[in-house]
Amino acid sequence: MLFNDLKPSECTDELVIRAITRFKNRKHPIEIPRNKAVGIHGFSHEYINYMLGGTFRSSYTPLNDNIINGRIRGVAGVVGCTNPRVKQDWVHVELVKELIKNDVLVVQTGCSQISLANAGLLTPEASHLAGPGLAEVCETVGMPPVLGLGSCVDNSRILIACAEMVKTGGLGESIADLPVAGAAPEYMSEKAISIGHYFVASGVYTIFGVTFPTVKNTKFHKLLFEDFEEKYGLGRWDFALDPYDMAKKMIAHIDKKRKALGIDKTRERVMMDFADRQAIEG
């Protein structure tokens, strides 16, 4: 009677009634945490465009320019679930802290957004945890070093942003050229694998944690972890358990892409006068 697919409303009502009735049987006291955290969310592709350039000059040019000049090392998408097999929040939070400390701007979707918000990483004040270059950009724009783009089904917003970076210019001819990386540190469903593979096929280096459903030393494993990038010029899969190892691999990939683009050298800062700005408009 409890599970009757012909009477869904009655089933859900009964579940709530049983839960309330049995609440008094709990032997241990219920502790509800009193701590509160604030996060700024909703950084869609359109809003990032507006945030960087304003109403009249909305553009990804400030982002690309700051990647080229080295203030921002690259961009990382850290997305997905929180997995009960690992310590609550720890992997996501430590990975993101390590990335922003190394001047990598993080964009985020999915359940782990709650983890990052609880850690105070989704506010502009979190820029004090970022490296000097990323912190300078964040403080100038007034944005957090971690941009929450939405729920797990909003991963396409990250690819749209990547495509816009390529379109804006100066960072290669395709998404595979960009100094970007993606991670699902605590994925827990087949859906995450399919989304991750979409990113790999689009040119994004993508690393997963907890476990990975392939057998090492097989042709299929080699295809995913090596051949996609080396033979076909796409992204590739990678795997790591430790968040610090994961960050190290992502940063190494970003640095490899920066070197291939010839933007791995420190550049002198040039102050622009009004004539220089008019020339850009022309």
Foldseek 3Di string as FASTA:
>chain_A
DLDDPVCVVVNVVVVVVVCVVCVVVDPDDDDDDPDDFDADAACFLVNCQCLVQNDPRRACVVVLVLCLQPLALAEEEAEDDAAPVDDPLVLVCVLVLLQQQNRYQYEYAADSVVSCRSVHQRALVVLVSGHPSNSVVCVVSRGGSYYYNYYRVRPVSVVVNLVRSCVRDLQDNFSLLGLYAYEHAHHDDVVVVVVQVVQQQRRHAYEYEDDDPDDPPDPVQCCQAPCSCPPVVTYHYYYDHHSVVVSVVSSVSSLVSCVVSVSNDNDDDDDDDPVNVVVVVD
